[in-house]
Amino acid sequence: MFYIPGWLYNITQHSPAWVVPARNEGDSLRGAVASLLALDTACEYEVLVVDGD
């Protein structure tokens, strides 16, 4: 049996997030976000688009 430290266990309870840096990336942003939203996964996740301005 494996021991999981409390701090690590709490991290695994949160949903993952994808951060998409998007400064001056308007042409490719739609495809990048669409591909992330099309992921076939059972867990909930969030997509954060960050504009550097």
PDB file of N, CA and C in Angstrom:
ATOM      1  N   MET A   1       0.840  -1.176   0.000  1.00  0.00           N
ATOM      2  CA  MET A   1       0.000   0.000   0.000  1.00  0.00           C
ATOM      3  C   MET A   1       0.885   1.239   0.000  1.00  0.00           C
ATOM      4  N   PHE A   2       0.464   2.250  -0.749  1.00  0.00           N
ATOM      5  CA  PHE A   2       1.244   3.473  -0.851  1.00  0.00           C
ATOM      6  C   PHE A   2       0.724   4.533   0.106  1.00  0.00           C
ATOM      7  N   TYR A   3       1.649   5.291   0.647  1.00  0.00           N
ATOM      8  CA  TYR A   3       1.287   6.422   1.503  1.00  0.00           C
ATOM      9  C   TYR A   3       1.230   7.679   0.643  1.00  0.00           C
ATOM     10  N   ILE A   4       0.137   8.397   0.702  1.00  0.00           N
ATOM     11  CA  ILE A   4       0.003   9.658  -0.033  1.00  0.00           C
ATOM     12  C   ILE A   4      -0.048  10.786   0.987  1.00  0.00           C
ATOM     13  N   PRO A   5       0.941  11.704   0.943  1.00  0.00           N
ATOM     14  CA  PRO A   5       0.927  12.823   1.896  1.00  0.00           C
ATOM     15  C   PRO A   5      -0.353  13.646   1.741  1.00  0.00           C
ATOM     16  N   GLY A   6      -0.804  14.245   2.829  1.00  0.00           N
ATOM     17  CA  GLY A   6      -2.037  15.017   2.814  1.00  0.00           C
ATOM     18  C   GLY A   6      -2.036  16.134   1.790  1.00  0.00           C
ATOM     19  N   TRP A   7      -0.915  16.840   1.646  1.00  0.00           N
ATOM     20  CA  TRP A   7      -0.880  17.953   0.691  1.00  0.00           C
ATOM     21  C   TRP A   7      -1.010  17.458  -0.742  1.00  0.00           C
ATOM     22  N   LEU A   8      -0.459  16.292  -1.040  1.00  0.00           N
ATOM     23  CA  LEU A   8      -0.559  15.740  -2.382  1.00  0.00           C
ATOM     24  C   LEU A   8      -1.978  15.237  -2.644  1.00  0.00           C
ATOM     25  N   TYR A   9      -2.581  14.641  -1.636  1.00  0.00           N
ATOM     26  CA  TYR A   9      -3.950  14.154  -1.792  1.00  0.00           C
ATOM     27  C   TYR A   9      -4.892  15.316  -2.101  1.00  0.00           C
ATOM     28  N   ASN A  10      -4.708  16.435  -1.413  1.00  0.00           N
ATOM     29  CA  ASN A  10      -5.566  17.600  -1.650  1.00  0.00           C
ATOM     30  C   ASN A  10      -5.375  18.155  -3.055  1.00  0.00           C
ATOM     31  N   ILE A  11      -4.168  18.113  -3.581  1.00  0.00           N
ATOM     32  CA  ILE A  11      -3.918  18.602  -4.941  1.00  0.00           C
ATOM     33  C   ILE A  11      -4.651  17.734  -5.950  1.00  0.00           C
ATOM     34  N   THR A  12      -4.672  16.435  -5.737  1.00  0.00           N
ATOM     35  CA  THR A  12      -5.299  15.543  -6.709  1.00  0.00           C
ATOM     36  C   THR A  12      -6.813  15.675  -6.719  1.00  0.00           C
ATOM     37  N   GLN A  13      -7.399  16.317  -5.737  1.00  0.00           N
ATOM     38  CA  GLN A  13      -8.842  16.499  -5.690  1.00  0.00           C
ATOM     39  C   GLN A  13      -9.308  17.659  -6.569  1.00  0.00           C
ATOM     40  N   HIS A  14      -8.402  18.478  -7.041  1.00  0.00           N
ATOM     41  CA  HIS A  14      -8.755  19.639  -7.858  1.00  0.00           C
ATOM     42  C   HIS A  14      -8.734  19.271  -9.332  1.00  0.00           C
ATOM     43  N   SER A  15      -9.456  20.040 -10.112  1.00  0.00           N
ATOM     44  CA  SER A  15      -9.490  19.828 -11.551  1.00  0.00           C
ATOM     45  C   SER A  15      -8.260  20.457 -12.193  1.00  0.00           C
ATOM     46  N   PRO A  16      -7.722  19.830 -13.228  1.00  0.00           N
ATOM     47  CA  PRO A  16      -6.578  20.425 -13.913  1.00  0.00           C
ATOM     48  C   PRO A  16      -7.010  21.641 -14.734  1.00  0.00           C
ATOM     49  N   ALA A  17      -6.055  22.483 -15.040  1.00  0.00           N
ATOM     50  CA  ALA A  17      -6.318  23.670 -15.855  1.00  0.00           C
ATOM     51  C   ALA A  17      -5.260  23.768 -16.948  1.00  0.00           C
ATOM     52  N   TRP A  18      -5.691  24.127 -18.127  1.00  0.00           N
ATOM     53  CA  TRP A  18      -4.787  24.381 -19.241  1.00  0.00           C
ATOM     54  C   TRP A  18      -4.673  25.885 -19.388  1.00  0.00           C
ATOM     55  N   VAL A  19      -3.458  26.401 -19.415  1.00  0.00           N
ATOM     56  CA  VAL A  19      -3.225  27.829 -19.590  1.00  0.00           C
ATOM     57  C   VAL A  19      -2.692  28.043 -20.997  1.00  0.00           C
ATOM     58  N   VAL A  20      -3.410  28.859 -21.763  1.00  0.00           N
ATOM     59  CA  VAL A  20      -3.038  29.127 -23.150  1.00  0.00           C
ATOM     60  C   VAL A  20      -2.557  30.572 -23.256  1.00  0.00           C
ATOM     61  N   PRO A  21      -1.238  30.790 -23.390  1.00  0.00           N
ATOM     62  CA  PRO A  21      -0.743  32.160 -23.588  1.00  0.00           C
ATOM     63  C   PRO A  21      -1.131  32.611 -24.998  1.00  0.00           C
ATOM     64  N   ALA A  22      -1.771  33.774 -25.098  1.00  0.00           N
ATOM     65  CA  ALA A  22      -2.375  34.148 -26.377  1.00  0.00           C
ATOM     66  C   ALA A  22      -2.049  35.564 -26.838  1.00  0.00           C
ATOM     67  N   ARG A  23      -0.927  36.072 -26.472  1.00  0.00           N
ATOM     68  CA  ARG A  23      -0.588  37.431 -26.907  1.00  0.00           C
ATOM     69  C   ARG A  23      -0.313  37.436 -28.408  1.00  0.00           C
ATOM     70  N   ASN A  24      -1.085  38.201 -29.141  1.00  0.00           N
ATOM     71  CA  ASN A  24      -0.963  38.332 -30.601  1.00  0.00           C
ATOM     72  C   ASN A  24      -1.113  36.985 -31.311  1.00  0.00           C
ATOM     73  N   GLU A  25      -1.970  36.120 -30.808  1.00  0.00           N
ATOM     74  CA  GLU A  25      -2.155  34.787 -31.377  1.00  0.00           C
ATOM     75  C   GLU A  25      -3.579  34.580 -31.876  1.00  0.00           C
ATOM     76  N   GLY A  26      -4.235  35.633 -32.315  1.00  0.00           N
ATOM     77  CA  GLY A  26      -5.622  35.548 -32.747  1.00  0.00           C
ATOM     78  C   GLY A  26      -5.864  34.541 -33.856  1.00  0.00           C
ATOM     79  N   ASP A  27      -4.901  34.372 -34.763  1.00  0.00           N
ATOM     80  CA  ASP A  27      -5.088  33.460 -35.899  1.00  0.00           C
ATOM     81  C   ASP A  27      -5.141  31.996 -35.479  1.00  0.00           C
ATOM     82  N   SER A  28      -4.393  31.618 -34.471  1.00  0.00           N
ATOM     83  CA  SER A  28      -4.346  30.207 -34.082  1.00  0.00           C
ATOM     84  C   SER A  28      -5.096  29.902 -32.793  1.00  0.00           C
ATOM     85  N   LEU A  29      -5.656  30.917 -32.162  1.00  0.00           N
ATOM     86  CA  LEU A  29      -6.307  30.729 -30.869  1.00  0.00           C
ATOM     87  C   LEU A  29      -7.540  29.832 -30.966  1.00  0.00           C
ATOM     88  N   ARG A  30      -8.358  30.033 -31.972  1.00  0.00           N
ATOM     89  CA  ARG A  30      -9.577  29.237 -32.100  1.00  0.00           C
ATOM     90  C   ARG A  30      -9.264  27.739 -32.197  1.00  0.00           C
ATOM     91  N   GLY A  31      -8.298  27.379 -32.997  1.00  0.00           N
ATOM     92  CA  GLY A  31      -7.935  25.967 -33.146  1.00  0.00           C
ATOM     93  C   GLY A  31      -7.352  25.379 -31.880  1.00  0.00           C
ATOM     94  N   ALA A  32      -6.534  26.165 -31.182  1.00  0.00           N
ATOM     95  CA  ALA A  32      -5.921  25.676 -29.945  1.00  0.00           C
ATOM     96  C   ALA A  32      -6.976  25.409 -28.880  1.00  0.00           C
ATOM     97  N   VAL A  33      -7.886  26.341 -28.704  1.00  0.00           N
ATOM     98  CA  VAL A  33      -8.927  26.173 -27.685  1.00  0.00           C
ATOM     99  C   VAL A  33      -9.886  25.043 -28.087  1.00  0.00           C
ATOM    100  N   ALA A  34     -10.229  24.957 -29.354  1.00  0.00           N
ATOM    101  CA  ALA A  34     -11.119  23.890 -29.819  1.00  0.00           C
ATOM    102  C   ALA A  34     -10.517  22.513 -29.558  1.00  0.00           C
ATOM    103  N   SER A  35      -9.223  22.368 -29.763  1.00  0.00           N
ATOM    104  CA  SER A  35      -8.594  21.070 -29.536  1.00  0.00           C
ATOM    105  C   SER A  35      -8.580  20.705 -28.053  1.00  0.00           C
ATOM    106  N   LEU A  36      -8.413  21.692 -27.185  1.00  0.00           N
ATOM    107  CA  LEU A  36      -8.459  21.414 -25.751  1.00  0.00           C
ATOM    108  C   LEU A  36      -9.872  21.045 -25.303  1.00  0.00           C
ATOM    109  N   LEU A  37     -10.866  21.730 -25.832  1.00  0.00           N
ATOM    110  CA  LEU A  37     -12.249  21.441 -25.456  1.00  0.00           C
ATOM    111  C   LEU A  37     -12.722  20.099 -26.006  1.00  0.00           C
ATOM    112  N   ALA A  38     -12.064  19.604 -27.035  1.00  0.00           N
ATOM    113  CA  ALA A  38     -12.447  18.325 -27.640  1.00  0.00           C
ATOM    114  C   ALA A  38     -11.796  17.128 -26.953  1.00  0.00           C
ATOM    115  N   LEU A  39     -11.015  17.351 -25.910  1.00  0.00           N
ATOM    116  CA  LEU A  39     -10.371  16.242 -25.202  1.00  0.00           C
ATOM    117  C   LEU A  39     -11.412  15.270 -24.674  1.00  0.00           C
ATOM    118  N   ASP A  40     -11.168  13.998 -24.848  1.00  0.00           N
ATOM    119  CA  ASP A  40     -12.067  12.953 -24.375  1.00  0.00           C
ATOM    120  C   ASP A  40     -11.562  12.478 -23.012  1.00  0.00           C
ATOM    121  N   THR A  41     -12.084  13.087 -21.963  1.00  0.00           N
ATOM    122  CA  THR A  41     -11.635  12.764 -20.614  1.00  0.00           C
ATOM    123  C   THR A  41     -12.822  12.741 -19.668  1.00  0.00           C
ATOM    124  N   ALA A  42     -12.714  11.961 -18.620  1.00  0.00           N
ATOM    125  CA  ALA A  42     -13.796  11.855 -17.649  1.00  0.00           C
ATOM    126  C   ALA A  42     -13.726  12.946 -16.588  1.00  0.00           C
ATOM    127  N   CYS A  43     -12.584  13.588 -16.435  1.00  0.00           N
ATOM    128  CA  CYS A  43     -12.457  14.606 -15.395  1.00  0.00           C
ATOM    129  C   CYS A  43     -12.831  15.985 -15.928  1.00  0.00           C
ATOM    130  N   GLU A  44     -13.274  16.839 -15.028  1.00  0.00           N
ATOM    131  CA  GLU A  44     -13.554  18.217 -15.393  1.00  0.00           C
ATOM    132  C   GLU A  44     -12.240  18.975 -15.441  1.00  0.00           C
ATOM    133  N   TYR A  45     -12.155  19.935 -16.332  1.00  0.00           N
ATOM    134  CA  TYR A  45     -10.961  20.758 -16.421  1.00  0.00           C
ATOM    135  C   TYR A  45     -11.379  22.137 -16.895  1.00  0.00           C
ATOM    136  N   GLU A  46     -10.469  23.090 -16.784  1.00  0.00           N
ATOM    137  CA  GLU A  46     -10.756  24.430 -17.261  1.00  0.00           C
ATOM    138  C   GLU A  46      -9.659  24.881 -18.210  1.00  0.00           C
ATOM    139  N   VAL A  47     -10.027  25.760 -19.104  1.00  0.00           N
ATOM    140  CA  VAL A  47      -9.093  26.338 -20.077  1.00  0.00           C
ATOM    141  C   VAL A  47      -9.018  27.825 -19.792  1.00  0.00           C
ATOM    142  N   LEU A  48      -7.815  28.313 -19.515  1.00  0.00           N
ATOM    143  CA  LEU A  48      -7.589  29.730 -19.256  1.00  0.00           C
ATOM    144  C   LEU A  48      -6.804  30.321 -20.417  1.00  0.00           C
ATOM    145  N   VAL A  49      -7.378  31.320 -21.057  1.00  0.00           N
ATOM    146  CA  VAL A  49      -6.690  32.022 -22.133  1.00  0.00           C
ATOM    147  C   VAL A  49      -6.161  33.328 -21.561  1.00  0.00           C
ATOM    148  N   VAL A  50      -4.849  33.535 -21.658  1.00  0.00           N
ATOM    149  CA  VAL A  50      -4.200  34.689 -21.040  1.00  0.00           C
ATOM    150  C   VAL A  50      -3.630  35.580 -22.138  1.00  0.00           C
ATOM    151  N   ASP A  51      -4.105  36.816 -22.149  1.00  0.00           N
ATOM    152  CA  ASP A  51      -3.594  37.822 -23.089  1.00  0.00           C
ATOM    153  C   ASP A  51      -2.547  38.638 -22.356  1.00  0.00           C
ATOM    154  N   GLY A  52      -1.384  38.803 -22.921  1.00  0.00           N
ATOM    155  CA  GLY A  52      -0.281  39.468 -22.240  1.00  0.00           C
ATOM    156  C   GLY A  52      -0.379  40.978 -22.129  1.00  0.00           C
ATOM    157  N   ASP A  53      -1.431  41.566 -22.667  1.00  0.00           N
ATOM    158  CA  ASP A  53      -1.542  43.031 -22.603  1.00  0.00           C
ATOM    159  C   ASP A  53      -2.000  43.502 -21.256  1.00  0.00           C
TER     160      ASP A  53
END
